[in-house]
N, C-alpha and C. Protein backbone atom coordinates (compact mmCIF):
# COMPACT_ATOMS: atom_id res chain seq x y z
N MET A 1 2.39 7.30 -13.33
CA MET A 1 1.92 6.24 -12.45
C MET A 1 3.09 5.31 -12.18
N SER A 2 3.31 5.01 -10.91
CA SER A 2 4.42 4.14 -10.58
C SER A 2 4.07 3.25 -9.39
N ILE A 3 3.86 1.97 -9.70
CA ILE A 3 3.58 0.99 -8.66
C ILE A 3 4.63 -0.10 -8.80
N ALA A 4 5.35 -0.34 -7.72
CA ALA A 4 6.37 -1.39 -7.70
C ALA A 4 5.92 -2.49 -6.75
N VAL A 5 6.54 -3.65 -6.89
CA VAL A 5 6.27 -4.80 -6.03
C VAL A 5 7.61 -5.29 -5.51
N LYS A 6 7.66 -5.61 -4.21
CA LYS A 6 8.92 -6.00 -3.60
C LYS A 6 8.66 -6.92 -2.41
N ARG A 7 9.53 -7.90 -2.24
CA ARG A 7 9.42 -8.74 -1.04
C ARG A 7 9.76 -7.91 0.18
N VAL A 8 9.00 -8.07 1.22
CA VAL A 8 9.20 -7.30 2.45
C VAL A 8 10.54 -7.63 3.10
N TYR A 9 11.13 -8.77 2.75
CA TYR A 9 12.41 -9.19 3.32
C TYR A 9 13.59 -8.46 2.68
N GLU A 10 13.36 -7.81 1.54
CA GLU A 10 14.43 -7.05 0.88
C GLU A 10 14.60 -5.71 1.59
N PRO A 11 15.82 -5.18 1.59
CA PRO A 11 16.05 -3.89 2.26
C PRO A 11 15.25 -2.76 1.61
N ALA A 12 14.85 -1.82 2.42
CA ALA A 12 14.13 -0.65 1.91
C ALA A 12 15.11 0.23 1.14
N ALA A 13 14.57 0.93 0.14
CA ALA A 13 15.36 1.87 -0.65
C ALA A 13 14.59 3.17 -0.78
N LYS A 14 15.30 4.27 -0.95
CA LYS A 14 14.62 5.56 -1.13
C LYS A 14 13.69 5.52 -2.33
N ALA A 15 14.09 4.80 -3.37
CA ALA A 15 13.29 4.72 -4.60
C ALA A 15 11.96 4.00 -4.39
N ASP A 16 11.79 3.33 -3.25
CA ASP A 16 10.54 2.61 -2.97
C ASP A 16 9.36 3.56 -2.80
N GLY A 17 9.63 4.77 -2.40
CA GLY A 17 8.53 5.71 -2.16
C GLY A 17 7.70 5.27 -0.97
N TYR A 18 6.39 5.29 -1.15
CA TYR A 18 5.42 4.92 -0.10
C TYR A 18 5.34 3.40 -0.04
N ARG A 19 5.73 2.81 1.08
CA ARG A 19 5.82 1.34 1.22
C ARG A 19 4.60 0.81 1.96
N VAL A 20 3.89 -0.13 1.32
CA VAL A 20 2.66 -0.67 1.88
C VAL A 20 2.71 -2.20 1.90
N LEU A 21 2.60 -2.77 3.09
CA LEU A 21 2.50 -4.22 3.21
C LEU A 21 1.06 -4.61 2.91
N VAL A 22 0.87 -5.52 1.95
CA VAL A 22 -0.48 -5.88 1.52
C VAL A 22 -0.82 -7.33 1.85
N ASP A 23 -0.22 -7.86 2.89
CA ASP A 23 -0.52 -9.22 3.38
C ASP A 23 -1.40 -9.12 4.61
N ARG A 24 -2.28 -10.09 4.77
CA ARG A 24 -3.14 -10.12 5.95
C ARG A 24 -2.35 -10.56 7.19
N LEU A 25 -1.38 -11.45 6.98
CA LEU A 25 -0.57 -11.96 8.09
C LEU A 25 0.78 -11.27 8.08
N TRP A 26 1.32 -11.01 9.28
CA TRP A 26 2.65 -10.41 9.37
C TRP A 26 3.67 -11.44 8.87
N PRO A 27 4.67 -11.00 8.09
CA PRO A 27 5.67 -11.92 7.54
C PRO A 27 6.48 -12.62 8.63
N ARG A 28 6.67 -13.89 8.43
CA ARG A 28 7.41 -14.71 9.40
C ARG A 28 8.84 -14.22 9.56
N GLY A 29 9.29 -14.25 10.81
CA GLY A 29 10.68 -13.97 11.11
C GLY A 29 11.05 -12.50 11.15
N LEU A 30 10.11 -11.61 10.93
CA LEU A 30 10.40 -10.18 10.95
C LEU A 30 9.75 -9.52 12.16
N LYS A 31 10.49 -8.64 12.78
CA LYS A 31 9.93 -7.84 13.87
C LYS A 31 9.35 -6.57 13.26
N LYS A 32 8.20 -6.16 13.76
CA LYS A 32 7.53 -4.98 13.22
C LYS A 32 8.43 -3.75 13.24
N GLU A 33 9.20 -3.60 14.29
CA GLU A 33 10.06 -2.41 14.39
C GLU A 33 11.23 -2.44 13.41
N ASP A 34 11.51 -3.60 12.81
CA ASP A 34 12.62 -3.71 11.87
C ASP A 34 12.21 -3.50 10.41
N VAL A 35 10.92 -3.33 10.17
CA VAL A 35 10.43 -3.18 8.80
C VAL A 35 10.09 -1.72 8.52
N SER A 36 10.71 -1.21 7.49
CA SER A 36 10.44 0.17 7.07
C SER A 36 9.17 0.15 6.21
N LEU A 37 8.09 0.71 6.78
CA LEU A 37 6.85 0.69 6.04
C LEU A 37 5.97 1.84 6.47
N ASP A 38 5.19 2.34 5.51
CA ASP A 38 4.32 3.47 5.77
C ASP A 38 2.91 3.04 6.14
N GLN A 39 2.52 1.85 5.70
CA GLN A 39 1.15 1.39 5.95
C GLN A 39 1.13 -0.14 5.90
N TRP A 40 0.35 -0.73 6.80
CA TRP A 40 0.06 -2.16 6.71
C TRP A 40 -1.41 -2.24 6.33
N ALA A 41 -1.68 -2.53 5.08
CA ALA A 41 -3.04 -2.53 4.55
C ALA A 41 -3.60 -3.95 4.51
N LYS A 42 -3.90 -4.49 5.68
CA LYS A 42 -4.46 -5.85 5.78
C LYS A 42 -5.74 -5.98 4.97
N GLU A 43 -6.51 -4.88 4.92
CA GLU A 43 -7.80 -4.92 4.23
C GLU A 43 -7.66 -5.06 2.72
N LEU A 44 -6.44 -4.89 2.19
CA LEU A 44 -6.21 -5.08 0.76
C LEU A 44 -5.77 -6.50 0.43
N ALA A 45 -5.52 -7.28 1.45
CA ALA A 45 -5.11 -8.67 1.23
C ALA A 45 -6.32 -9.52 0.84
N PRO A 46 -6.07 -10.61 0.14
CA PRO A 46 -7.18 -11.52 -0.17
C PRO A 46 -7.78 -12.08 1.11
N SER A 47 -9.03 -12.46 1.04
CA SER A 47 -9.68 -13.07 2.21
C SER A 47 -8.92 -14.32 2.61
N THR A 48 -9.10 -14.71 3.85
CA THR A 48 -8.44 -15.93 4.34
C THR A 48 -8.86 -17.13 3.51
N ALA A 49 -10.14 -17.22 3.18
CA ALA A 49 -10.62 -18.36 2.37
C ALA A 49 -9.95 -18.38 1.00
N LEU A 50 -9.83 -17.22 0.36
CA LEU A 50 -9.20 -17.17 -0.96
C LEU A 50 -7.72 -17.49 -0.87
N ARG A 51 -7.06 -16.94 0.13
CA ARG A 51 -5.63 -17.21 0.32
C ARG A 51 -5.37 -18.70 0.52
N GLN A 52 -6.21 -19.33 1.34
CA GLN A 52 -6.04 -20.76 1.59
C GLN A 52 -6.38 -21.58 0.35
N TRP A 53 -7.39 -21.19 -0.40
CA TRP A 53 -7.73 -21.90 -1.64
C TRP A 53 -6.57 -21.83 -2.63
N PHE A 54 -5.99 -20.65 -2.79
CA PHE A 54 -4.90 -20.45 -3.74
C PHE A 54 -3.67 -21.26 -3.33
N GLY A 55 -3.27 -21.15 -2.09
CA GLY A 55 -2.14 -21.92 -1.58
C GLY A 55 -0.85 -21.73 -2.37
N HIS A 56 -0.72 -20.62 -3.07
CA HIS A 56 0.45 -20.31 -3.90
C HIS A 56 0.71 -21.38 -4.96
N GLU A 57 -0.38 -21.96 -5.47
CA GLU A 57 -0.29 -22.94 -6.55
C GLU A 57 -0.37 -22.21 -7.89
N PRO A 58 0.72 -22.17 -8.66
CA PRO A 58 0.70 -21.45 -9.93
C PRO A 58 -0.43 -21.89 -10.86
N ALA A 59 -0.86 -23.14 -10.77
CA ALA A 59 -1.95 -23.63 -11.63
C ALA A 59 -3.27 -22.92 -11.31
N ARG A 60 -3.39 -22.36 -10.11
CA ARG A 60 -4.62 -21.67 -9.71
C ARG A 60 -4.50 -20.14 -9.88
N TRP A 61 -3.42 -19.67 -10.47
CA TRP A 61 -3.15 -18.24 -10.56
C TRP A 61 -4.27 -17.45 -11.24
N ASP A 62 -4.71 -17.90 -12.40
CA ASP A 62 -5.75 -17.16 -13.12
C ASP A 62 -7.04 -17.09 -12.31
N GLY A 63 -7.42 -18.21 -11.70
CA GLY A 63 -8.61 -18.22 -10.86
C GLY A 63 -8.45 -17.33 -9.64
N PHE A 64 -7.26 -17.33 -9.07
CA PHE A 64 -6.99 -16.47 -7.92
C PHE A 64 -7.13 -15.01 -8.30
N ARG A 65 -6.52 -14.61 -9.41
CA ARG A 65 -6.58 -13.21 -9.84
C ARG A 65 -8.02 -12.77 -10.08
N HIS A 66 -8.81 -13.62 -10.70
CA HIS A 66 -10.21 -13.28 -10.96
C HIS A 66 -11.00 -13.13 -9.65
N ARG A 67 -10.83 -14.08 -8.74
CA ARG A 67 -11.55 -14.03 -7.46
C ARG A 67 -11.08 -12.86 -6.59
N TYR A 68 -9.79 -12.60 -6.63
CA TYR A 68 -9.24 -11.48 -5.86
C TYR A 68 -9.76 -10.15 -6.41
N ALA A 69 -9.84 -10.03 -7.73
CA ALA A 69 -10.38 -8.81 -8.34
C ALA A 69 -11.83 -8.60 -7.91
N THR A 70 -12.59 -9.67 -7.80
CA THR A 70 -13.97 -9.56 -7.33
C THR A 70 -14.01 -9.04 -5.91
N GLU A 71 -13.11 -9.54 -5.06
CA GLU A 71 -13.04 -9.03 -3.69
C GLU A 71 -12.64 -7.55 -3.68
N LEU A 72 -11.69 -7.19 -4.51
CA LEU A 72 -11.25 -5.79 -4.56
C LEU A 72 -12.35 -4.87 -5.09
N ASP A 73 -13.14 -5.35 -6.03
CA ASP A 73 -14.25 -4.55 -6.55
C ASP A 73 -15.17 -4.09 -5.42
N ALA A 74 -15.30 -4.92 -4.40
CA ALA A 74 -16.19 -4.62 -3.28
C ALA A 74 -15.50 -3.83 -2.17
N ALA A 75 -14.22 -3.50 -2.37
CA ALA A 75 -13.46 -2.83 -1.31
C ALA A 75 -12.77 -1.57 -1.82
N ALA A 76 -13.43 -0.85 -2.72
CA ALA A 76 -12.82 0.34 -3.33
C ALA A 76 -12.39 1.38 -2.30
N GLU A 77 -13.11 1.49 -1.20
CA GLU A 77 -12.76 2.49 -0.20
C GLU A 77 -11.38 2.24 0.40
N HIS A 78 -10.89 1.01 0.28
CA HIS A 78 -9.58 0.68 0.83
C HIS A 78 -8.46 0.87 -0.18
N TRP A 79 -8.69 0.51 -1.45
CA TRP A 79 -7.60 0.60 -2.43
C TRP A 79 -7.58 1.90 -3.22
N ARG A 80 -8.71 2.58 -3.32
CA ARG A 80 -8.73 3.80 -4.15
C ARG A 80 -7.75 4.88 -3.66
N PRO A 81 -7.64 5.15 -2.33
CA PRO A 81 -6.64 6.14 -1.90
C PRO A 81 -5.22 5.75 -2.30
N LEU A 82 -4.92 4.48 -2.29
CA LEU A 82 -3.60 4.01 -2.69
C LEU A 82 -3.39 4.20 -4.19
N ALA A 83 -4.41 3.92 -4.98
CA ALA A 83 -4.32 4.14 -6.42
C ALA A 83 -4.11 5.62 -6.73
N GLU A 84 -4.82 6.47 -6.02
CA GLU A 84 -4.69 7.91 -6.23
C GLU A 84 -3.27 8.38 -5.87
N ARG A 85 -2.71 7.83 -4.81
CA ARG A 85 -1.34 8.16 -4.43
C ARG A 85 -0.38 7.68 -5.52
N ALA A 86 -0.60 6.48 -6.03
CA ALA A 86 0.28 5.91 -7.06
C ALA A 86 0.23 6.70 -8.37
N ALA A 87 -0.85 7.42 -8.60
CA ALA A 87 -0.95 8.24 -9.81
C ALA A 87 0.02 9.41 -9.76
N ARG A 88 0.44 9.78 -8.57
CA ARG A 88 1.29 10.96 -8.41
C ARG A 88 2.67 10.67 -7.81
N HIS A 89 2.79 9.56 -7.09
CA HIS A 89 4.03 9.23 -6.39
C HIS A 89 4.32 7.75 -6.52
N VAL A 90 5.55 7.37 -6.24
CA VAL A 90 5.93 5.96 -6.25
C VAL A 90 5.30 5.26 -5.05
N VAL A 91 4.67 4.12 -5.31
CA VAL A 91 4.11 3.26 -4.27
C VAL A 91 4.71 1.87 -4.46
N THR A 92 5.20 1.29 -3.39
CA THR A 92 5.74 -0.07 -3.45
C THR A 92 4.87 -0.98 -2.60
N LEU A 93 4.33 -2.01 -3.25
CA LEU A 93 3.51 -3.01 -2.57
C LEU A 93 4.44 -4.09 -2.04
N LEU A 94 4.40 -4.32 -0.75
CA LEU A 94 5.27 -5.30 -0.11
C LEU A 94 4.49 -6.58 0.18
N TYR A 95 5.16 -7.71 0.01
CA TYR A 95 4.54 -9.01 0.25
C TYR A 95 5.57 -9.95 0.86
N GLY A 96 5.12 -11.02 1.48
CA GLY A 96 6.03 -11.95 2.12
C GLY A 96 6.24 -13.25 1.38
N ALA A 97 5.43 -13.56 0.40
CA ALA A 97 5.49 -14.86 -0.30
C ALA A 97 6.84 -15.07 -0.98
N ARG A 98 7.22 -16.32 -1.13
CA ARG A 98 8.47 -16.65 -1.81
C ARG A 98 8.35 -16.53 -3.33
N ASP A 99 7.18 -16.85 -3.84
CA ASP A 99 6.94 -16.81 -5.29
C ASP A 99 6.81 -15.36 -5.72
N GLU A 100 7.74 -14.90 -6.53
CA GLU A 100 7.76 -13.50 -6.95
C GLU A 100 6.80 -13.20 -8.10
N GLU A 101 6.27 -14.23 -8.75
CA GLU A 101 5.38 -14.03 -9.89
C GLU A 101 3.91 -14.27 -9.57
N HIS A 102 3.65 -15.10 -8.58
CA HIS A 102 2.27 -15.50 -8.26
C HIS A 102 1.96 -15.17 -6.81
N ASN A 103 1.66 -13.90 -6.55
CA ASN A 103 1.30 -13.49 -5.19
C ASN A 103 0.31 -12.34 -5.27
N ASN A 104 -0.31 -12.04 -4.15
CA ASN A 104 -1.37 -11.02 -4.13
C ASN A 104 -0.86 -9.63 -4.48
N ALA A 105 0.38 -9.30 -4.17
CA ALA A 105 0.91 -7.98 -4.51
C ALA A 105 1.00 -7.80 -6.02
N VAL A 106 1.42 -8.82 -6.73
CA VAL A 106 1.48 -8.77 -8.19
C VAL A 106 0.07 -8.60 -8.76
N ALA A 107 -0.88 -9.35 -8.23
CA ALA A 107 -2.27 -9.24 -8.69
C ALA A 107 -2.85 -7.86 -8.36
N LEU A 108 -2.55 -7.35 -7.19
CA LEU A 108 -3.05 -6.03 -6.79
C LEU A 108 -2.44 -4.94 -7.66
N LYS A 109 -1.17 -5.04 -7.97
CA LYS A 109 -0.51 -4.07 -8.85
C LYS A 109 -1.22 -4.02 -10.19
N SER A 110 -1.48 -5.17 -10.77
CA SER A 110 -2.17 -5.24 -12.05
C SER A 110 -3.56 -4.62 -11.96
N TYR A 111 -4.27 -4.92 -10.90
CA TYR A 111 -5.62 -4.39 -10.68
C TYR A 111 -5.58 -2.86 -10.59
N LEU A 112 -4.67 -2.31 -9.79
CA LEU A 112 -4.58 -0.87 -9.60
C LEU A 112 -4.16 -0.16 -10.89
N GLU A 113 -3.19 -0.74 -11.58
CA GLU A 113 -2.74 -0.13 -12.84
C GLU A 113 -3.86 -0.13 -13.88
N ASN A 114 -4.61 -1.19 -13.94
CA ASN A 114 -5.74 -1.25 -14.87
C ASN A 114 -6.78 -0.19 -14.51
N TRP A 115 -7.08 -0.05 -13.23
CA TRP A 115 -8.06 0.95 -12.81
C TRP A 115 -7.56 2.36 -13.16
N LEU A 116 -6.29 2.62 -12.92
CA LEU A 116 -5.74 3.95 -13.21
C LEU A 116 -5.76 4.24 -14.72
N ARG A 117 -5.48 3.23 -15.54
CA ARG A 117 -5.53 3.42 -16.98
C ARG A 117 -6.94 3.72 -17.47
N THR A 118 -7.92 3.07 -16.90
CA THR A 118 -9.29 3.24 -17.38
C THR A 118 -10.04 4.40 -16.72
N HIS A 119 -9.69 4.73 -15.48
CA HIS A 119 -10.40 5.77 -14.76
C HIS A 119 -9.57 7.01 -14.47
N GLY A 120 -8.28 6.83 -14.36
CA GLY A 120 -7.42 7.95 -14.02
C GLY A 120 -7.64 8.42 -12.60
N PRO A 121 -6.71 9.21 -12.09
CA PRO A 121 -6.88 9.72 -10.73
C PRO A 121 -8.00 10.72 -10.65
N ARG A 122 -8.60 10.84 -9.52
CA ARG A 122 -9.73 11.77 -9.33
C ARG A 122 -9.23 13.07 -8.74
């Protein structure tokens, strides 16, 4: 199992494998044709209400992760194919936030890895 997390502003690398942007909004200052990516999975991003509530405030990180996991629980049809791919190939979750420790890609990586550990690929 290999899931990586990377800022979308960093250059693509062969080691990235399957590159998936997991933000609802397109990253500022980037043209779509300039970004090397295999999928833009808007449906894996936190809801607008949750994103706005979190506001990238580290003090709200635990609450954000819990609420985001609840949203993901209800959206298995969107993340399960990605988890299954990650069980066999490298998947890199791309995000635009400046905070490298407190963002939805980090939370999604943890969620997917936990699911793979407990359920395994199908």
